[in-house]
Amino acid sequence: MEGIIVIDKPKGMTSHDCVFKLRKILRTKKIGHTGTLDPEVTGVLPMCVGRATKVVEYLTASSKTYEGEVTFGRSTTTEDAWGEVVEEREVTETFTKERIEMVFESLTGTIVQTPPMYSAVKVNGKRLYEYARNGETVERPSREVTIEKLEIIEENLTGAFPTVRFRVTCSKGTYVRTLAVMMGEALGYPAHMSYLRRIGSGAFTEEDCVTLEELSKAAEEGTVDKYFLSIEKALSHLPKWTINDTLAKKVKNGAVLSRPEEFSIDTPLWLVLNEEGKLLALYKHHETKEGKIKPAKIIDIS
């Protein structure tokens, strides 16, 4: 039993809750998720099962796409709709779509974010949310993240607390909650994220999703295999190098190899596949031996 199962994470469950539930359904312990979603956030959560757990780190690093909503005029302790209100100030001016688009444009590209106090980032060996629950505030490390694309889906710019629905594709480590707050700051008002759903994670989209209820039923019927997706699909965004059986034996043993012509010097990571298209390993450039490549991860040792 191996591969990727893409869960449609329900509201009210943590990512770890989903791992626990899936272990019971599949009756296996070797399961890992590919990026934490807050309990109130729904959507695409790829889960690695069996041998696929070896590639969790590469799936976690892939970009994510979300559909969210920002509400202007009100900020909260958690930067989302489920925290206590910190500041409330009705919006007394009329925002235009053009002005929102200008703000979105200014937030596209590489930006610096400070993680919210209610987050899992560790400071001095303790998670920020632990400090927050004790009423403590500590200095938080800022980080650079990349907003690849940010666009308006729908806007309701009337009333005291206008809202904007948006779609964002961003790098690992981006806090969409904080992005919503930054939108408000750019407009001169408090703001918070009032809705969020992840619609894409790396190569996976909502179309790949299955609910835990559907999986549980399939397990009872013995048809759960149909929901497994291949490791190769999960890493399809990476370049591929197909090799013959003779070279495959060396790859499985972790051999350092001469860099082939197709292995671009500008590409940090390659999938190495056998002639049947099965993933054997991920290879990278050797740090000290010019013109050589070495394993970043051996996947198949059979």
Protein backbone atom coordinates (compact mmCIF):
# COMPACT_ATOMS: atom_id res chain seq x y z
CA MET A 1 0.00 0.00 0.00
CA GLU A 2 1.79 3.09 -1.25
CA GLY A 3 1.20 6.36 -3.06
CA ILE A 4 -0.54 9.66 -2.46
CA ILE A 5 -4.12 10.11 -1.28
CA VAL A 6 -5.40 13.66 -1.55
CA ILE A 7 -7.79 14.38 1.30
CA ASP A 8 -10.41 17.11 1.15
CA LYS A 9 -9.69 18.26 4.69
CA PRO A 10 -12.91 19.06 6.55
CA LYS A 11 -13.42 22.07 8.76
CA GLY A 12 -12.66 21.54 12.45
CA MET A 13 -9.91 18.93 12.02
CA THR A 14 -6.16 19.47 12.24
CA SER A 15 -3.82 17.94 9.66
CA HIS A 16 -2.65 15.52 12.36
CA ASP A 17 -6.28 14.52 13.03
CA CYS A 18 -6.50 13.57 9.36
CA VAL A 19 -3.34 11.46 9.60
CA PHE A 20 -4.76 9.65 12.65
CA LYS A 21 -8.09 9.03 10.89
CA LEU A 22 -6.40 7.78 7.70
CA ARG A 23 -4.19 5.39 9.69
CA LYS A 24 -7.33 3.80 11.11
CA ILE A 25 -9.02 3.59 7.71
CA LEU A 26 -6.02 2.10 5.89
CA ARG A 27 -4.73 0.15 8.90
CA THR A 28 -1.17 1.32 8.40
CA LYS A 29 1.07 3.65 10.42
CA LYS A 30 3.36 4.82 7.63
CA ILE A 31 1.47 7.99 6.67
CA GLY A 32 2.60 11.62 6.55
CA HIS A 33 0.89 14.84 5.48
CA THR A 34 2.48 17.43 3.22
CA GLY A 35 1.79 20.75 4.89
CA THR A 36 -0.27 21.86 7.87
CA LEU A 37 -3.69 23.41 7.39
CA ASP A 38 -5.32 25.29 10.27
CA PRO A 39 -8.36 23.50 11.77
CA GLU A 40 -10.88 25.94 10.25
CA VAL A 41 -9.33 25.77 6.77
CA THR A 42 -10.60 23.18 4.29
CA GLY A 43 -9.30 21.72 1.08
CA VAL A 44 -6.44 19.92 -0.64
CA LEU A 45 -4.22 17.94 1.75
CA PRO A 46 -2.00 15.34 0.04
CA MET A 47 -1.15 12.40 2.31
CA CYS A 48 1.84 10.17 1.62
CA VAL A 49 1.40 6.45 2.32
CA GLY A 50 4.10 3.79 2.53
CA ARG A 51 7.12 4.37 0.30
CA ALA A 52 5.67 7.75 -0.67
CA THR A 53 6.56 9.13 2.78
CA LYS A 54 10.13 9.43 1.43
CA VAL A 55 9.05 12.38 -0.74
CA VAL A 56 7.06 14.35 1.87
CA GLU A 57 9.74 17.06 2.07
CA TYR A 58 9.57 17.69 -1.67
CA LEU A 59 5.78 17.98 -1.69
CA THR A 60 5.83 20.29 1.33
CA ALA A 61 8.16 22.61 -0.56
CA SER A 62 5.84 22.97 -3.57
CA SER A 63 3.69 26.06 -4.10
CA LYS A 64 0.09 26.20 -2.86
CA THR A 65 -3.08 27.85 -4.21
CA TYR A 66 -5.87 29.16 -2.00
CA GLU A 67 -9.23 30.85 -2.34
CA GLY A 68 -9.84 33.21 0.55
CA GLU A 69 -11.76 36.23 1.72
CA VAL A 70 -10.51 39.35 3.47
CA THR A 71 -12.83 41.49 5.59
CA PHE A 72 -11.79 45.10 6.13
CA GLY A 73 -12.53 47.12 9.27
CA ARG A 74 -11.92 44.47 11.90
CA SER A 75 -8.73 42.75 13.15
CA THR A 76 -8.48 39.72 15.45
CA THR A 77 -5.93 38.03 17.71
CA THR A 78 -5.54 35.11 15.30
CA GLU A 79 -5.77 37.19 12.09
CA ASP A 80 -8.78 35.10 11.04
CA ALA A 81 -12.50 34.99 11.80
CA TRP A 82 -12.13 32.72 14.84
CA GLY A 83 -10.04 34.97 17.08
CA GLU A 84 -11.08 37.70 19.49
CA VAL A 85 -11.61 41.15 18.00
CA VAL A 86 -8.64 43.45 18.63
CA GLU A 87 -9.73 46.53 16.69
CA GLU A 88 -12.91 47.52 14.92
CA ARG A 89 -13.15 50.58 12.72
CA GLU A 90 -15.88 50.93 10.14
CA VAL A 91 -14.73 51.71 6.61
CA THR A 92 -16.02 55.20 5.90
CA GLU A 93 -14.63 55.56 2.39
CA THR A 94 -15.52 53.74 -0.80
CA PHE A 95 -12.94 51.26 -2.03
CA THR A 96 -12.78 50.72 -5.76
CA LYS A 97 -11.84 47.53 -7.58
CA GLU A 98 -8.95 49.42 -9.20
CA ARG A 99 -7.56 50.38 -5.79
CA ILE A 100 -7.80 46.77 -4.56
CA GLU A 101 -6.00 45.62 -7.71
CA MET A 102 -3.20 48.10 -7.02
CA VAL A 103 -2.83 46.71 -3.48
CA PHE A 104 -2.76 43.15 -4.84
CA GLU A 105 -0.10 44.14 -7.36
CA SER A 106 2.05 45.67 -4.59
CA LEU A 107 1.84 42.39 -2.63
CA THR A 108 2.84 40.20 -5.59
CA GLY A 109 6.41 38.95 -5.77
CA THR A 110 8.81 38.54 -2.87
CA ILE A 111 7.44 40.05 0.34
CA VAL A 112 8.40 39.91 4.03
CA GLN A 113 5.93 38.49 6.55
CA THR A 114 6.00 38.26 10.32
CA PRO A 115 4.28 35.06 11.50
CA PRO A 116 1.16 35.62 13.63
CA MET A 117 1.37 34.92 17.36
CA TYR A 118 -1.18 32.14 16.87
CA SER A 119 1.07 29.97 14.68
CA ALA A 120 3.30 26.90 15.04
CA VAL A 121 6.59 28.74 14.46
CA LYS A 122 9.08 28.00 17.24
CA VAL A 123 10.87 30.75 19.16
CA ASN A 124 13.34 29.65 21.87
CA GLY A 125 12.06 26.08 21.61
CA LYS A 126 8.44 27.02 22.20
CA ARG A 127 5.66 27.45 19.63
CA LEU A 128 4.23 30.92 19.21
CA TYR A 129 0.68 29.82 19.94
CA GLU A 130 1.86 28.58 23.36
CA TYR A 131 3.11 32.08 24.19
CA ALA A 132 -0.14 33.56 22.85
CA ARG A 133 -2.33 31.27 24.98
CA ASN A 134 -0.39 32.44 28.05
CA GLY A 135 -0.94 36.06 27.11
CA GLU A 136 2.75 36.54 26.26
CA THR A 137 4.17 38.38 23.26
CA VAL A 138 7.65 37.63 21.93
CA GLU A 139 9.74 38.96 19.08
CA ARG A 140 8.96 36.96 15.96
CA PRO A 141 11.37 36.19 13.12
CA SER A 142 10.32 37.70 9.79
CA ARG A 143 10.60 35.63 6.64
CA GLU A 144 10.63 36.19 2.91
CA VAL A 145 7.85 34.47 0.94
CA THR A 146 6.82 34.62 -2.68
CA ILE A 147 3.34 35.56 -3.87
CA GLU A 148 3.32 34.17 -7.40
CA LYS A 149 -0.20 35.28 -8.31
CA LEU A 150 -2.89 37.26 -6.49
CA GLU A 151 -6.22 38.04 -8.12
CA ILE A 152 -9.73 39.18 -7.25
CA ILE A 153 -12.54 36.62 -7.55
CA GLU A 154 -15.38 38.76 -6.24
CA GLU A 155 -15.71 42.00 -4.31
CA ASN A 156 -18.38 43.50 -2.07
CA LEU A 157 -17.05 46.98 -1.42
CA THR A 158 -20.16 48.50 0.14
CA GLY A 159 -21.09 48.74 3.81
CA ALA A 160 -19.09 49.25 6.99
CA PHE A 161 -17.05 46.03 6.58
CA PRO A 162 -16.35 45.44 2.88
CA THR A 163 -15.01 42.08 1.70
CA VAL A 164 -12.95 40.79 -1.20
CA ARG A 165 -12.73 37.16 -2.34
CA PHE A 166 -9.34 36.37 -3.81
CA ARG A 167 -7.22 33.57 -5.25
CA VAL A 168 -3.53 33.35 -4.37
CA THR A 169 -0.69 31.06 -5.45
CA CYS A 170 2.23 31.30 -3.04
CA SER A 171 5.39 29.66 -1.79
CA LYS A 172 5.88 27.38 1.19
CA GLY A 173 5.67 29.24 4.50
CA THR A 174 3.21 31.92 3.38
CA TYR A 175 0.60 32.92 5.94
CA VAL A 176 -2.55 33.85 4.02
CA ARG A 177 -3.98 35.20 7.28
CA THR A 178 -1.09 37.64 7.47
CA LEU A 179 -1.50 38.46 3.78
CA ALA A 180 -5.10 39.54 4.52
CA VAL A 181 -3.85 41.78 7.35
CA MET A 182 -1.27 43.29 4.98
CA MET A 183 -4.05 44.08 2.50
CA GLY A 184 -5.80 46.05 5.22
CA GLU A 185 -2.60 47.85 6.22
CA ALA A 186 -2.09 48.94 2.61
CA LEU A 187 -5.58 50.48 2.66
CA GLY A 188 -5.21 52.01 6.13
CA TYR A 189 -7.69 49.76 7.94
CA PRO A 190 -7.64 46.76 10.26
CA ALA A 191 -8.47 43.50 8.45
CA HIS A 192 -8.67 39.75 8.90
CA MET A 193 -9.06 36.61 6.83
CA SER A 194 -12.71 35.59 7.01
CA TYR A 195 -12.56 32.43 4.85
CA LEU A 196 -9.88 30.14 3.41
CA ARG A 197 -9.81 26.99 1.31
CA ARG A 198 -6.76 25.37 -0.28
CA ILE A 199 -7.57 24.45 -3.87
CA GLY A 200 -4.12 23.32 -5.02
CA SER A 201 -0.92 21.86 -3.59
CA GLY A 202 1.89 21.22 -6.05
CA ALA A 203 0.57 18.95 -8.80
CA PHE A 204 -2.69 18.22 -6.95
CA THR A 205 -6.03 20.05 -7.21
CA GLU A 206 -9.56 19.72 -5.84
CA GLU A 207 -10.32 17.26 -8.64
CA ASP A 208 -7.92 14.78 -7.01
CA CYS A 209 -9.62 15.03 -3.61
CA VAL A 210 -11.56 12.40 -1.71
CA THR A 211 -13.35 12.84 1.61
CA LEU A 212 -12.55 10.76 4.67
CA GLU A 213 -16.11 9.41 4.56
CA GLU A 214 -15.64 8.22 0.96
CA LEU A 215 -12.34 6.60 1.89
CA SER A 216 -13.85 4.83 4.87
CA LYS A 217 -16.63 3.39 2.69
CA ALA A 218 -14.13 2.34 0.01
CA ALA A 219 -11.97 0.59 2.64
CA GLU A 220 -15.00 -1.43 3.77
CA GLU A 221 -15.73 -2.37 0.15
CA GLY A 222 -12.08 -3.17 -0.63
CA THR A 223 -11.85 -0.51 -3.35
CA VAL A 224 -9.58 2.04 -1.66
CA ASP A 225 -6.80 1.43 -4.21
CA LYS A 226 -8.64 3.56 -6.77
CA TYR A 227 -7.90 6.68 -4.70
CA PHE A 228 -4.13 6.19 -4.65
CA LEU A 229 -2.12 8.47 -6.94
CA SER A 230 1.45 7.74 -7.93
CA ILE A 231 4.62 9.23 -6.47
CA GLU A 232 5.58 10.09 -10.05
CA LYS A 233 2.45 12.29 -10.43
CA ALA A 234 3.22 13.99 -7.12
CA LEU A 235 6.64 15.03 -8.40
CA SER A 236 5.63 15.67 -12.02
CA HIS A 237 6.75 19.32 -11.72
CA LEU A 238 10.39 18.15 -11.59
CA PRO A 239 12.44 17.26 -14.71
CA LYS A 240 12.89 13.58 -15.55
CA TRP A 241 15.86 11.42 -16.55
CA THR A 242 15.05 7.91 -17.82
CA ILE A 243 17.84 5.33 -17.53
CA ASN A 244 18.46 1.71 -18.58
CA ASP A 245 18.51 -1.30 -16.25
CA THR A 246 22.31 -1.41 -16.00
CA LEU A 247 22.49 2.15 -14.71
CA ALA A 248 19.42 1.56 -12.53
CA LYS A 249 21.38 -0.94 -10.42
CA LYS A 250 24.01 1.72 -9.70
CA VAL A 251 21.34 4.31 -8.85
CA LYS A 252 19.67 1.96 -6.35
CA ASN A 253 23.07 1.58 -4.65
CA GLY A 254 23.45 5.35 -4.38
CA ALA A 255 26.23 5.73 -6.92
CA VAL A 256 27.83 9.07 -7.75
CA LEU A 257 27.51 9.48 -11.53
CA SER A 258 28.83 11.71 -14.27
CA ARG A 259 26.33 14.42 -15.11
CA PRO A 260 24.51 13.53 -18.35
CA GLU A 261 23.94 16.18 -21.01
CA GLU A 262 20.21 16.41 -20.25
CA PHE A 263 20.89 17.09 -16.56
CA SER A 264 20.86 20.90 -16.70
CA ILE A 265 23.39 22.73 -14.53
CA ASP A 266 20.63 25.23 -13.66
CA THR A 267 18.21 22.58 -12.35
CA PRO A 268 18.80 21.60 -8.71
CA LEU A 269 16.82 18.32 -8.62
CA TRP A 270 15.93 15.58 -11.10
CA LEU A 271 13.70 12.50 -11.03
CA VAL A 272 15.53 9.35 -12.12
CA LEU A 273 13.14 6.83 -13.68
CA ASN A 274 13.60 3.33 -15.06
CA GLU A 275 12.40 2.38 -18.54
CA GLU A 276 8.96 1.47 -17.14
CA GLY A 277 8.57 4.98 -15.74
CA LYS A 278 9.00 3.98 -12.09
CA LEU A 279 10.77 6.47 -9.82
CA LEU A 280 14.08 5.12 -8.54
CA ALA A 281 15.67 8.19 -6.96
CA LEU A 282 16.03 11.93 -6.90
CA TYR A 283 19.48 13.17 -7.94
CA LYS A 284 21.18 16.52 -7.46
CA HIS A 285 24.49 18.16 -8.40
CA HIS A 286 27.47 17.05 -6.33
CA GLU A 287 28.65 19.86 -4.04
CA THR A 288 32.39 19.18 -4.36
CA LYS A 289 32.87 17.07 -7.49
CA GLU A 290 32.44 19.13 -10.63
CA GLY A 291 30.52 17.40 -13.41
CA LYS A 292 29.12 14.77 -11.02
CA ILE A 293 25.64 14.08 -9.61
CA LYS A 294 24.65 12.27 -6.41
CA PRO A 295 21.45 10.95 -4.81
CA ALA A 296 19.29 13.40 -2.89
CA LYS A 297 16.93 10.54 -2.00
CA ILE A 298 16.84 6.86 -2.97
CA ILE A 299 13.22 5.79 -3.45
CA ASP A 300 13.41 2.24 -4.81
CA ILE A 301 15.87 -0.24 -3.29
CA SER A 302 14.03 -3.40 -4.44
